[in-house]
Amino acid sequence: MTTTKTSNGARAAIGDIAPKLAEITDDVLFGDVWERPELSKRDRSLVTCAALVATGKTEQMTFHLPRAIENGVTRAELIEMITHLAFYVGWPSAMSAVGKAKELLPEPGKEPGR
């Protein structure tokens, strides 16, 4: 299998402590699942971010929110997704997610943390 910058990410991040988890993350999750043509990467990003909001996995949003922007999801769409989910997954989950989004996705023309 040809490795790419994306498919080497887990090996670089966790390969020293969890080599098998890194391998299947790179090869199966990002090398196969994310490459399936049935959903666009944009749609996969939106679904993934929604799942992270729903399950309260704000730490994983550090990777996936910026990736969603790279994959064509807009900042406004991500904020709207969080707002919409507040009524389905709970207010605390949405509030935590919007705090992470504010940190990671500053308004255009503004620096993070301002």
C-alpha atoms as a PDB file:
ATOM      1  CA  MET A   1       0.000   0.000   0.000  1.00  0.00           C
ATOM      2  CA  THR A   2       1.246   3.464  -0.810  1.00  0.00           C
ATOM      3  CA  THR A   3       1.485   5.622   2.275  1.00  0.00           C
ATOM      4  CA  THR A   4       0.632   9.283   2.226  1.00  0.00           C
ATOM      5  CA  LYS A   5       1.112  12.139   4.627  1.00  0.00           C
ATOM      6  CA  THR A   6      -2.371  11.495   6.034  1.00  0.00           C
ATOM      7  CA  SER A   7      -1.924   7.748   6.347  1.00  0.00           C
ATOM      8  CA  ASN A   8       1.265   8.136   8.379  1.00  0.00           C
ATOM      9  CA  GLY A   9      -0.317  10.425  10.967  1.00  0.00           C
ATOM     10  CA  ALA A  10      -1.199   7.819  13.581  1.00  0.00           C
ATOM     11  CA  ARG A  11       2.141   6.065  13.224  1.00  0.00           C
ATOM     12  CA  ALA A  12       3.900   9.338  13.971  1.00  0.00           C
ATOM     13  CA  ALA A  13       1.548  10.270  16.811  1.00  0.00           C
ATOM     14  CA  ILE A  14       1.076   6.974  18.659  1.00  0.00           C
ATOM     15  CA  GLY A  15       3.104   4.338  16.809  1.00  0.00           C
ATOM     16  CA  ASP A  16       5.688   4.135  19.575  1.00  0.00           C
ATOM     17  CA  ILE A  17       3.154   3.199  22.263  1.00  0.00           C
ATOM     18  CA  ALA A  18       0.327   1.539  20.290  1.00  0.00           C
ATOM     19  CA  PRO A  19       1.766   0.344  16.978  1.00  0.00           C
ATOM     20  CA  LYS A  20      -1.187  -1.868  16.029  1.00  0.00           C
ATOM     21  CA  LEU A  21      -3.722   0.870  16.766  1.00  0.00           C
ATOM     22  CA  ALA A  22      -1.615   3.268  14.684  1.00  0.00           C
ATOM     23  CA  GLU A  23      -1.409   0.743  11.856  1.00  0.00           C
ATOM     24  CA  ILE A  24      -5.151   0.115  11.654  1.00  0.00           C
ATOM     25  CA  THR A  25      -5.905   3.812  12.044  1.00  0.00           C
ATOM     26  CA  ASP A  26      -3.651   4.676   9.112  1.00  0.00           C
ATOM     27  CA  ASP A  27      -4.379   1.675   6.903  1.00  0.00           C
ATOM     28  CA  VAL A  28      -8.020   0.838   7.619  1.00  0.00           C
ATOM     29  CA  LEU A  29      -9.659   4.029   8.875  1.00  0.00           C
ATOM     30  CA  PHE A  30      -7.847   6.622   6.778  1.00  0.00           C
ATOM     31  CA  GLY A  31      -6.497   4.333   4.057  1.00  0.00           C
ATOM     32  CA  ASP A  32      -9.757   2.494   3.342  1.00  0.00           C
ATOM     33  CA  VAL A  33     -12.875   3.826   5.079  1.00  0.00           C
ATOM     34  CA  TRP A  34     -12.185   7.527   4.407  1.00  0.00           C
ATOM     35  CA  GLU A  35     -11.386   6.700   0.757  1.00  0.00           C
ATOM     36  CA  ARG A  36     -14.637   4.872  -0.022  1.00  0.00           C
ATOM     37  CA  PRO A  37     -16.539   6.672  -2.792  1.00  0.00           C
ATOM     38  CA  GLU A  38     -20.032   6.261  -1.326  1.00  0.00           C
ATOM     39  CA  LEU A  39     -19.608   9.430   0.763  1.00  0.00           C
ATOM     40  CA  SER A  40     -17.480  12.446  -0.058  1.00  0.00           C
ATOM     41  CA  LYS A  41     -14.737  13.434   2.369  1.00  0.00           C
ATOM     42  CA  ARG A  42     -16.789  16.549   3.073  1.00  0.00           C
ATOM     43  CA  ASP A  43     -19.775  14.434   4.114  1.00  0.00           C
ATOM     44  CA  ARG A  44     -17.579  12.066   6.116  1.00  0.00           C
ATOM     45  CA  SER A  45     -16.123  15.045   7.966  1.00  0.00           C
ATOM     46  CA  LEU A  46     -19.554  16.446   8.797  1.00  0.00           C
ATOM     47  CA  VAL A  47     -20.763  13.046  10.025  1.00  0.00           C
ATOM     48  CA  THR A  48     -17.579  12.504  12.038  1.00  0.00           C
ATOM     49  CA  CYS A  49     -17.783  15.920  13.680  1.00  0.00           C
ATOM     50  CA  ALA A  50     -21.444  15.342  14.514  1.00  0.00           C
ATOM     51  CA  ALA A  51     -20.549  12.008  16.126  1.00  0.00           C
ATOM     52  CA  LEU A  52     -17.829  13.699  18.177  1.00  0.00           C
ATOM     53  CA  VAL A  53     -20.277  16.346  19.371  1.00  0.00           C
ATOM     54  CA  ALA A  54     -22.871  13.695  20.210  1.00  0.00           C
ATOM     55  CA  THR A  55     -20.415  11.636  22.228  1.00  0.00           C
ATOM     56  CA  GLY A  56     -18.647  14.579  23.872  1.00  0.00           C
ATOM     57  CA  LYS A  57     -15.254  13.729  22.396  1.00  0.00           C
ATOM     58  CA  THR A  58     -13.946  17.311  22.332  1.00  0.00           C
ATOM     59  CA  GLU A  59     -10.285  16.238  22.371  1.00  0.00           C
ATOM     60  CA  GLN A  60     -10.734  14.516  19.001  1.00  0.00           C
ATOM     61  CA  MET A  61     -12.264  17.702  17.589  1.00  0.00           C
ATOM     62  CA  THR A  62      -8.786  19.229  17.641  1.00  0.00           C
ATOM     63  CA  PHE A  63      -7.976  17.054  14.632  1.00  0.00           C
ATOM     64  CA  HIS A  64     -11.379  16.729  12.990  1.00  0.00           C
ATOM     65  CA  LEU A  65     -12.749  20.299  12.974  1.00  0.00           C
ATOM     66  CA  PRO A  66      -9.804  21.729  10.992  1.00  0.00           C
ATOM     67  CA  ARG A  67      -9.868  18.612   8.779  1.00  0.00           C
ATOM     68  CA  ALA A  68     -13.550  19.277   8.070  1.00  0.00           C
ATOM     69  CA  ILE A  69     -12.669  22.784   6.877  1.00  0.00           C
ATOM     70  CA  GLU A  70      -9.965  21.282   4.622  1.00  0.00           C
ATOM     71  CA  ASN A  71     -12.592  18.880   3.267  1.00  0.00           C
ATOM     72  CA  GLY A  72     -14.988  21.683   2.331  1.00  0.00           C
ATOM     73  CA  VAL A  73     -17.265  22.032   5.358  1.00  0.00           C
ATOM     74  CA  THR A  74     -17.620  25.700   6.239  1.00  0.00           C
ATOM     75  CA  ARG A  75     -17.164  27.214   9.687  1.00  0.00           C
ATOM     76  CA  ALA A  76     -20.808  28.330   9.560  1.00  0.00           C
ATOM     77  CA  GLU A  77     -21.959  24.785   8.762  1.00  0.00           C
ATOM     78  CA  LEU A  78     -19.984  23.359  11.679  1.00  0.00           C
ATOM     79  CA  ILE A  79     -21.474  25.917  14.087  1.00  0.00           C
ATOM     80  CA  GLU A  80     -24.974  25.230  12.732  1.00  0.00           C
ATOM     81  CA  MET A  81     -24.421  21.476  13.122  1.00  0.00           C
ATOM     82  CA  ILE A  82     -23.460  21.998  16.772  1.00  0.00           C
ATOM     83  CA  THR A  83     -26.478  24.255  17.355  1.00  0.00           C
ATOM     84  CA  HIS A  84     -28.816  21.733  15.741  1.00  0.00           C
ATOM     85  CA  LEU A  85     -27.383  18.860  17.772  1.00  0.00           C
ATOM     86  CA  ALA A  86     -27.872  20.711  21.061  1.00  0.00           C
ATOM     87  CA  PHE A  87     -31.522  19.643  20.957  1.00  0.00           C
ATOM     88  CA  TYR A  88     -30.751  16.013  20.146  1.00  0.00           C
ATOM     89  CA  VAL A  89     -27.594  15.181  22.102  1.00  0.00           C
ATOM     90  CA  GLY A  90     -27.770  17.602  25.009  1.00  0.00           C
ATOM     91  CA  TRP A  91     -26.886  21.144  25.845  1.00  0.00           C
ATOM     92  CA  PRO A  92     -23.622  20.343  27.690  1.00  0.00           C
ATOM     93  CA  SER A  93     -22.247  18.433  24.689  1.00  0.00           C
ATOM     94  CA  ALA A  94     -23.079  21.311  22.365  1.00  0.00           C
ATOM     95  CA  MET A  95     -21.626  23.907  24.718  1.00  0.00           C
ATOM     96  CA  SER A  96     -18.375  21.947  25.030  1.00  0.00           C
ATOM     97  CA  ALA A  97     -18.207  21.525  21.263  1.00  0.00           C
ATOM     98  CA  VAL A  98     -18.846  25.191  20.510  1.00  0.00           C
ATOM     99  CA  GLY A  99     -16.116  26.142  22.971  1.00  0.00           C
ATOM    100  CA  LYS A 100     -13.689  23.884  21.112  1.00  0.00           C
ATOM    101  CA  ALA A 101     -14.882  25.266  17.776  1.00  0.00           C
ATOM    102  CA  LYS A 102     -14.286  28.824  19.003  1.00  0.00           C
ATOM    103  CA  GLU A 103     -10.755  27.847  19.955  1.00  0.00           C
ATOM    104  CA  LEU A 104      -9.989  26.019  16.695  1.00  0.00           C
ATOM    105  CA  LEU A 105     -12.027  27.953  14.122  1.00  0.00           C
ATOM    106  CA  PRO A 106     -11.709  31.669  14.732  1.00  0.00           C
ATOM    107  CA  GLU A 107     -13.930  34.063  12.874  1.00  0.00           C
ATOM    108  CA  PRO A 108     -12.411  35.132   9.590  1.00  0.00           C
ATOM    109  CA  GLY A 109      -9.897  37.891  10.221  1.00  0.00           C
ATOM    110  CA  LYS A 110      -9.452  37.026  13.896  1.00  0.00           C
ATOM    111  CA  GLU A 111      -6.663  35.075  15.542  1.00  0.00           C
ATOM    112  CA  PRO A 112      -7.419  32.069  17.788  1.00  0.00           C
ATOM    113  CA  GLY A 113      -8.038  32.955  21.429  1.00  0.00           C
ATOM    114  CA  ARG A 114      -9.109  36.572  20.807  1.00  0.00           C
END
